[in-house]
Amino acid sequence: MSENQPNVLLLGPPGAGKGTQSANVADEYDVPHVTTGDALRANKDMETDYGTPREFMDAGELVPDPVVNEIVAEALSDGEGYVLDGYPRNTEQADYLADITTLDVVCLLAVSDSELVERLTGRRVCDDCGANYHAEFNPPEEEGVCDECGGALIQREDDTEETVKERIDVYHESTEPVVDYYREAGVLREIDGEATPEEVWEELRETIDAAV
């Protein structure tokens, strides 16, 4: 485990492997993995000038930026270092983040749209125990049957080709400007997200080590 506790921002489209690699960063550098969703759930009753996250979540509404900003600021204030995943989602949030913390490195897991579609549409989940598989990369021993409990493997609605392409389109429209924001600032480091998870982690770790 590294002695350094860096401030890392991990960017990338859905299916790029941010969750897997964020967990690696958290383990290697002994830092918390901060995601917007986890931070909101952990602080859903926190009072802000705009109300609590719970008020918006219970109503099925998007939590507004000012509330998300305060929740993220609270999550980042807990200790030394972090790996941030899923925030900022727009350039206004990126400006806010720059005011409350200093990033050591911003890494983009770069993956082509065609690869993302293949990855996400191939995902299968056990309807009984929730175990995850992939039709190509991590197939079960018997097609359609969970190795763990024998339950039926299903494709979630989120993982149909039509839905996957919509999610990727939303990423390009809303989050890609954040990538450009950090690229123009000269702090973005691109990682080949199409390599194996082990190779991606090796390149990511070397990139972080070079920055701290």
C-alpha atoms as a PDB file:
ATOM      1  CA  MET A   1       0.000   0.000   0.000  1.00  0.00           C
ATOM      2  CA  SER A   2       1.258   3.465  -0.901  1.00  0.00           C
ATOM      3  CA  GLU A   3       2.092   5.968   1.860  1.00  0.00           C
ATOM      4  CA  ASN A   4       0.718   8.810  -0.250  1.00  0.00           C
ATOM      5  CA  GLN A   5      -2.975   9.657   0.033  1.00  0.00           C
ATOM      6  CA  PRO A   6      -3.757  11.484  -3.198  1.00  0.00           C
ATOM      7  CA  ASN A   7      -6.830  13.431  -4.297  1.00  0.00           C
ATOM      8  CA  VAL A   8      -7.925  11.569  -7.425  1.00  0.00           C
ATOM      9  CA  LEU A   9     -10.789  12.338  -9.824  1.00  0.00           C
ATOM     10  CA  LEU A  10     -11.792   9.456 -12.080  1.00  0.00           C
ATOM     11  CA  LEU A  11     -13.810  10.254 -15.217  1.00  0.00           C
ATOM     12  CA  GLY A  12     -15.284   7.989 -17.863  1.00  0.00           C
ATOM     13  CA  PRO A  13     -18.503   6.878 -19.556  1.00  0.00           C
ATOM     14  CA  PRO A  14     -20.857   4.220 -18.164  1.00  0.00           C
ATOM     15  CA  GLY A  15     -19.221   0.827 -18.581  1.00  0.00           C
ATOM     16  CA  ALA A  16     -15.658   2.182 -18.555  1.00  0.00           C
ATOM     17  CA  GLY A  17     -14.817   0.421 -15.298  1.00  0.00           C
ATOM     18  CA  LYS A  18     -14.778   3.400 -12.923  1.00  0.00           C
ATOM     19  CA  GLY A  19     -16.218   1.377 -10.053  1.00  0.00           C
ATOM     20  CA  THR A  20     -13.620  -1.381 -10.353  1.00  0.00           C
ATOM     21  CA  GLN A  21     -10.696   1.008 -10.677  1.00  0.00           C
ATOM     22  CA  SER A  22     -11.951   3.338  -7.942  1.00  0.00           C
ATOM     23  CA  ALA A  23     -11.987   0.356  -5.574  1.00  0.00           C
ATOM     24  CA  ASN A  24      -8.377  -0.386  -6.571  1.00  0.00           C
ATOM     25  CA  VAL A  25      -7.365   3.213  -5.862  1.00  0.00           C
ATOM     26  CA  ALA A  26      -9.160   3.173  -2.500  1.00  0.00           C
ATOM     27  CA  ASP A  27      -7.375  -0.042  -1.463  1.00  0.00           C
ATOM     28  CA  GLU A  28      -3.921   0.922  -2.751  1.00  0.00           C
ATOM     29  CA  TYR A  29      -3.819   4.417  -1.262  1.00  0.00           C
ATOM     30  CA  ASP A  30      -6.094   3.893   1.767  1.00  0.00           C
ATOM     31  CA  VAL A  31      -8.499   6.660   0.728  1.00  0.00           C
ATOM     32  CA  PRO A  32     -12.312   6.758   0.667  1.00  0.00           C
ATOM     33  CA  HIS A  33     -14.177   6.101  -2.587  1.00  0.00           C
ATOM     34  CA  VAL A  34     -16.605   9.006  -2.855  1.00  0.00           C
ATOM     35  CA  THR A  35     -19.532   8.731  -5.276  1.00  0.00           C
ATOM     36  CA  THR A  36     -22.386  11.199  -5.578  1.00  0.00           C
ATOM     37  CA  GLY A  37     -24.999   8.494  -4.966  1.00  0.00           C
ATOM     38  CA  ASP A  38     -23.309   7.138  -1.834  1.00  0.00           C
ATOM     39  CA  ALA A  39     -22.693  10.635  -0.487  1.00  0.00           C
ATOM     40  CA  LEU A  40     -26.350  11.595  -0.994  1.00  0.00           C
ATOM     41  CA  ARG A  41     -27.627   8.406   0.646  1.00  0.00           C
ATOM     42  CA  ALA A  42     -25.262   8.817   3.600  1.00  0.00           C
ATOM     43  CA  ASN A  43     -26.275  12.458   4.124  1.00  0.00           C
ATOM     44  CA  LYS A  44     -29.858  12.491   2.884  1.00  0.00           C
ATOM     45  CA  ASP A  45     -31.109  14.338   5.984  1.00  0.00           C
ATOM     46  CA  MET A  46     -28.336  16.941   5.978  1.00  0.00           C
ATOM     47  CA  GLU A  47     -29.772  20.438   6.082  1.00  0.00           C
ATOM     48  CA  THR A  48     -28.659  22.777   3.297  1.00  0.00           C
ATOM     49  CA  ASP A  49     -29.857  26.215   2.229  1.00  0.00           C
ATOM     50  CA  TYR A  50     -31.980  24.435  -0.376  1.00  0.00           C
ATOM     51  CA  GLY A  51     -33.464  21.687   1.801  1.00  0.00           C
ATOM     52  CA  THR A  52     -32.370  18.106   2.429  1.00  0.00           C
ATOM     53  CA  PRO A  53     -31.483  15.576  -0.296  1.00  0.00           C
ATOM     54  CA  ARG A  54     -34.277  13.333   1.044  1.00  0.00           C
ATOM     55  CA  GLU A  55     -36.949  15.859   0.034  1.00  0.00           C
ATOM     56  CA  PHE A  56     -35.891  15.588  -3.623  1.00  0.00           C
ATOM     57  CA  MET A  57     -35.087  11.859  -3.586  1.00  0.00           C
ATOM     58  CA  ASP A  58     -38.444  10.910  -2.030  1.00  0.00           C
ATOM     59  CA  ALA A  59     -40.220  13.010  -4.655  1.00  0.00           C
ATOM     60  CA  GLY A  60     -38.301  11.233  -7.417  1.00  0.00           C
ATOM     61  CA  GLU A  61     -36.665  14.481  -8.490  1.00  0.00           C
ATOM     62  CA  LEU A  62     -33.057  15.225  -9.383  1.00  0.00           C
ATOM     63  CA  VAL A  63     -31.181  16.677  -6.435  1.00  0.00           C
ATOM     64  CA  PRO A  64     -30.210  20.233  -7.471  1.00  0.00           C
ATOM     65  CA  ASP A  65     -26.556  21.175  -7.951  1.00  0.00           C
ATOM     66  CA  PRO A  66     -26.259  23.396  -4.842  1.00  0.00           C
ATOM     67  CA  VAL A  67     -27.421  20.512  -2.611  1.00  0.00           C
ATOM     68  CA  VAL A  68     -25.150  17.991  -4.340  1.00  0.00           C
ATOM     69  CA  ASN A  69     -22.239  20.421  -3.997  1.00  0.00           C
ATOM     70  CA  GLU A  70     -22.705  20.755  -0.226  1.00  0.00           C
ATOM     71  CA  ILE A  71     -23.017  16.981   0.213  1.00  0.00           C
ATOM     72  CA  VAL A  72     -19.833  16.322  -1.789  1.00  0.00           C
ATOM     73  CA  ALA A  73     -17.977  19.002   0.162  1.00  0.00           C
ATOM     74  CA  GLU A  74     -19.016  17.264   3.392  1.00  0.00           C
ATOM     75  CA  ALA A  75     -17.883  13.860   2.046  1.00  0.00           C
ATOM     76  CA  LEU A  76     -14.467  15.220   1.015  1.00  0.00           C
ATOM     77  CA  SER A  77     -13.866  16.911   4.354  1.00  0.00           C
ATOM     78  CA  ASP A  78     -13.589  13.646   6.297  1.00  0.00           C
ATOM     79  CA  GLY A  79      -9.879  12.933   5.911  1.00  0.00           C
ATOM     80  CA  GLU A  80      -6.713  12.819   3.847  1.00  0.00           C
ATOM     81  CA  GLY A  81      -7.126  11.866   0.201  1.00  0.00           C
ATOM     82  CA  TYR A  82     -10.021  10.427  -1.814  1.00  0.00           C
ATOM     83  CA  VAL A  83     -10.989   8.946  -5.157  1.00  0.00           C
ATOM     84  CA  LEU A  84     -13.969  10.840  -6.558  1.00  0.00           C
ATOM     85  CA  ASP A  85     -16.260   9.102  -9.055  1.00  0.00           C
ATOM     86  CA  GLY A  86     -19.471  10.480 -10.603  1.00  0.00           C
ATOM     87  CA  TYR A  87     -18.853  14.139  -9.758  1.00  0.00           C
ATOM     88  CA  PRO A  88     -18.540  16.753 -11.188  1.00  0.00           C
ATOM     89  CA  ARG A  89     -21.241  16.201 -13.810  1.00  0.00           C
ATOM     90  CA  ASN A  90     -21.047  19.676 -15.337  1.00  0.00           C
ATOM     91  CA  THR A  91     -18.578  22.559 -15.555  1.00  0.00           C
ATOM     92  CA  GLU A  92     -20.379  24.531 -12.831  1.00  0.00           C
ATOM     93  CA  GLN A  93     -19.766  21.655 -10.429  1.00  0.00           C
ATOM     94  CA  ALA A  94     -16.157  21.504 -11.638  1.00  0.00           C
ATOM     95  CA  ASP A  95     -15.736  25.186 -10.737  1.00  0.00           C
ATOM     96  CA  TYR A  96     -17.211  24.506  -7.285  1.00  0.00           C
ATOM     97  CA  LEU A  97     -14.894  21.524  -6.785  1.00  0.00           C
ATOM     98  CA  ALA A  98     -11.888  23.707  -7.614  1.00  0.00           C
ATOM     99  CA  ASP A  99     -12.958  26.111  -4.836  1.00  0.00           C
ATOM    100  CA  ILE A 100     -13.168  23.446  -2.102  1.00  0.00           C
ATOM    101  CA  THR A 101     -10.267  21.086  -2.868  1.00  0.00           C
ATOM    102  CA  THR A 102      -7.092  20.622  -4.904  1.00  0.00           C
ATOM    103  CA  LEU A 103      -6.948  17.641  -7.239  1.00  0.00           C
ATOM    104  CA  ASP A 104      -3.630  15.822  -7.588  1.00  0.00           C
ATOM    105  CA  VAL A 105      -4.658  14.072 -10.795  1.00  0.00           C
ATOM    106  CA  VAL A 106      -7.663  13.759 -13.125  1.00  0.00           C
ATOM    107  CA  CYS A 107      -7.793  10.461 -15.005  1.00  0.00           C
ATOM    108  CA  LEU A 108     -10.116   9.592 -17.882  1.00  0.00           C
ATOM    109  CA  LEU A 109     -10.832   5.940 -18.648  1.00  0.00           C
ATOM    110  CA  ALA A 110     -11.126   6.243 -22.431  1.00  0.00           C
ATOM    111  CA  VAL A 111     -13.366   3.636 -24.092  1.00  0.00           C
ATOM    112  CA  SER A 112     -15.006   3.743 -27.551  1.00  0.00           C
ATOM    113  CA  ASP A 113     -18.793   3.787 -27.853  1.00  0.00           C
ATOM    114  CA  SER A 114     -18.831   0.434 -29.678  1.00  0.00           C
ATOM    115  CA  GLU A 115     -16.841  -1.209 -26.877  1.00  0.00           C
ATOM    116  CA  LEU A 116     -19.169   0.302 -24.262  1.00  0.00           C
ATOM    117  CA  VAL A 117     -22.246  -1.080 -26.045  1.00  0.00           C
ATOM    118  CA  GLU A 118     -20.657  -4.536 -26.182  1.00  0.00           C
ATOM    119  CA  ARG A 119     -19.715  -4.432 -22.515  1.00  0.00           C
ATOM    120  CA  LEU A 120     -23.022  -3.139 -21.190  1.00  0.00           C
ATOM    121  CA  THR A 121     -25.412  -5.170 -23.341  1.00  0.00           C
ATOM    122  CA  GLY A 122     -23.527  -8.356 -22.432  1.00  0.00           C
ATOM    123  CA  ARG A 123     -24.065  -7.912 -18.709  1.00  0.00           C
ATOM    124  CA  ARG A 124     -26.276 -10.502 -16.996  1.00  0.00           C
ATOM    125  CA  VAL A 125     -27.535 -10.487 -13.413  1.00  0.00           C
ATOM    126  CA  CYS A 126     -28.926 -13.340 -11.320  1.00  0.00           C
ATOM    127  CA  ASP A 127     -32.605 -12.689 -10.635  1.00  0.00           C
ATOM    128  CA  ASP A 128     -32.303 -14.416  -7.253  1.00  0.00           C
ATOM    129  CA  CYS A 129     -28.957 -13.557  -5.625  1.00  0.00           C
ATOM    130  CA  GLY A 130     -27.799 -10.569  -7.711  1.00  0.00           C
ATOM    131  CA  ALA A 131     -24.483 -12.113  -8.868  1.00  0.00           C
ATOM    132  CA  ASN A 132     -23.028 -10.417 -11.973  1.00  0.00           C
ATOM    133  CA  TYR A 133     -21.858 -12.098 -15.180  1.00  0.00           C
ATOM    134  CA  HIS A 134     -21.000 -11.110 -18.732  1.00  0.00           C
ATOM    135  CA  ALA A 135     -21.972 -13.088 -21.799  1.00  0.00           C
ATOM    136  CA  GLU A 136     -18.461 -12.737 -23.281  1.00  0.00           C
ATOM    137  CA  PHE A 137     -16.016 -11.690 -20.549  1.00  0.00           C
ATOM    138  CA  ASN A 138     -17.356 -13.557 -17.509  1.00  0.00           C
ATOM    139  CA  PRO A 139     -19.882 -16.204 -18.609  1.00  0.00           C
ATOM    140  CA  PRO A 140     -21.515 -18.667 -16.182  1.00  0.00           C
ATOM    141  CA  GLU A 141     -20.633 -22.360 -16.400  1.00  0.00           C
ATOM    142  CA  GLU A 142     -24.100 -23.071 -17.813  1.00  0.00           C
ATOM    143  CA  GLU A 143     -25.663 -20.452 -20.089  1.00  0.00           C
ATOM    144  CA  GLY A 144     -28.461 -18.551 -18.391  1.00  0.00           C
ATOM    145  CA  VAL A 145     -27.890 -20.190 -14.983  1.00  0.00           C
ATOM    146  CA  CYS A 146     -26.188 -18.620 -11.954  1.00  0.00           C
ATOM    147  CA  ASP A 147     -23.096 -20.494 -10.722  1.00  0.00           C
ATOM    148  CA  GLU A 148     -23.777 -19.325  -7.165  1.00  0.00           C
ATOM    149  CA  CYS A 149     -27.397 -20.290  -6.577  1.00  0.00           C
ATOM    150  CA  GLY A 150     -28.785 -21.791  -9.783  1.00  0.00           C
ATOM    151  CA  GLY A 151     -31.101 -18.844 -10.362  1.00  0.00           C
ATOM    152  CA  ALA A 152     -32.019 -17.465 -13.780  1.00  0.00           C
ATOM    153  CA  LEU A 153     -29.738 -14.841 -15.338  1.00  0.00           C
ATOM    154  CA  ILE A 154     -31.524 -11.826 -16.790  1.00  0.00           C
ATOM    155  CA  GLN A 155     -30.620  -8.728 -18.776  1.00  0.00           C
ATOM    156  CA  ARG A 156     -31.635  -5.613 -16.862  1.00  0.00           C
ATOM    157  CA  GLU A 157     -33.693  -2.981 -18.647  1.00  0.00           C
ATOM    158  CA  ASP A 158     -30.744  -0.600 -18.203  1.00  0.00           C
ATOM    159  CA  ASP A 159     -28.596  -2.951 -20.286  1.00  0.00           C
ATOM    160  CA  THR A 160     -30.664  -3.263 -23.481  1.00  0.00           C
ATOM    161  CA  GLU A 161     -28.951  -1.826 -26.554  1.00  0.00           C
ATOM    162  CA  GLU A 162     -31.436   1.027 -26.926  1.00  0.00           C
ATOM    163  CA  THR A 163     -31.089   2.088 -23.280  1.00  0.00           C
ATOM    164  CA  VAL A 164     -27.305   1.709 -23.330  1.00  0.00           C
ATOM    165  CA  LYS A 165     -26.995   3.973 -26.371  1.00  0.00           C
ATOM    166  CA  GLU A 166     -29.214   6.555 -24.669  1.00  0.00           C
ATOM    167  CA  ARG A 167     -26.991   6.475 -21.560  1.00  0.00           C
ATOM    168  CA  ILE A 168     -23.887   6.969 -23.704  1.00  0.00           C
ATOM    169  CA  ASP A 169     -25.561   9.875 -25.545  1.00  0.00           C
ATOM    170  CA  VAL A 170     -26.381  11.511 -22.192  1.00  0.00           C
ATOM    171  CA  TYR A 171     -22.743  11.119 -21.153  1.00  0.00           C
ATOM    172  CA  HIS A 172     -21.510  12.803 -24.339  1.00  0.00           C
ATOM    173  CA  GLU A 173     -23.957  15.694 -23.928  1.00  0.00           C
ATOM    174  CA  SER A 174     -23.658  16.338 -20.202  1.00  0.00           C
ATOM    175  CA  THR A 175     -20.371  14.990 -18.884  1.00  0.00           C
ATOM    176  CA  GLU A 176     -18.002  15.256 -21.840  1.00  0.00           C
ATOM    177  CA  PRO A 177     -17.777  19.050 -21.362  1.00  0.00           C
ATOM    178  CA  VAL A 178     -16.243  18.237 -17.944  1.00  0.00           C
ATOM    179  CA  VAL A 179     -13.589  16.136 -19.701  1.00  0.00           C
ATOM    180  CA  ASP A 180     -12.863  19.077 -22.015  1.00  0.00           C
ATOM    181  CA  TYR A 181     -12.734  21.404 -18.981  1.00  0.00           C
ATOM    182  CA  TYR A 182      -9.874  19.406 -17.445  1.00  0.00           C
ATOM    183  CA  ARG A 183      -8.188  18.760 -20.800  1.00  0.00           C
ATOM    184  CA  GLU A 184      -8.071  22.494 -21.520  1.00  0.00           C
ATOM    185  CA  ALA A 185      -6.681  23.077 -18.017  1.00  0.00           C
ATOM    186  CA  GLY A 186      -3.829  20.720 -18.890  1.00  0.00           C
ATOM    187  CA  VAL A 187      -4.459  18.342 -15.976  1.00  0.00           C
ATOM    188  CA  LEU A 188      -6.270  15.462 -17.720  1.00  0.00           C
ATOM    189  CA  ARG A 189      -4.488  12.118 -18.069  1.00  0.00           C
ATOM    190  CA  GLU A 190      -6.030   9.568 -20.447  1.00  0.00           C
ATOM    191  CA  ILE A 191      -5.927   5.881 -19.547  1.00  0.00           C
ATOM    192  CA  ASP A 192      -6.612   3.171 -22.149  1.00  0.00           C
ATOM    193  CA  GLY A 193      -9.841   1.788 -20.716  1.00  0.00           C
ATOM    194  CA  GLU A 194     -10.073  -0.912 -23.379  1.00  0.00           C
ATOM    195  CA  ALA A 195      -7.114  -2.873 -21.983  1.00  0.00           C
ATOM    196  CA  THR A 196      -7.645  -5.661 -19.443  1.00  0.00           C
ATOM    197  CA  PRO A 197      -8.688  -4.525 -15.942  1.00  0.00           C
ATOM    198  CA  GLU A 198      -5.216  -5.474 -14.690  1.00  0.00           C
ATOM    199  CA  GLU A 199      -3.495  -3.434 -17.409  1.00  0.00           C
ATOM    200  CA  VAL A 200      -5.813  -0.475 -16.815  1.00  0.00           C
ATOM    201  CA  TRP A 201      -4.996  -0.580 -13.103  1.00  0.00           C
ATOM    202  CA  GLU A 202      -1.247  -0.738 -13.770  1.00  0.00           C
ATOM    203  CA  GLU A 203      -1.392   2.344 -16.024  1.00  0.00           C
ATOM    204  CA  LEU A 204      -3.698   4.169 -13.609  1.00  0.00           C
ATOM    205  CA  ARG A 205      -1.457   3.460 -10.609  1.00  0.00           C
ATOM    206  CA  GLU A 206       1.646   4.647 -12.489  1.00  0.00           C
ATOM    207  CA  THR A 207      -0.203   7.829 -13.504  1.00  0.00           C
ATOM    208  CA  ILE A 208      -1.255   8.580  -9.929  1.00  0.00           C
ATOM    209  CA  ASP A 209       2.216   7.819  -8.532  1.00  0.00           C
ATOM    210  CA  ALA A 210       3.780  10.199 -11.056  1.00  0.00           C
ATOM    211  CA  ALA A 211       1.441  12.975  -9.944  1.00  0.00           C
ATOM    212  CA  VAL A 212       1.966  12.823  -6.170  1.00  0.00           C
END
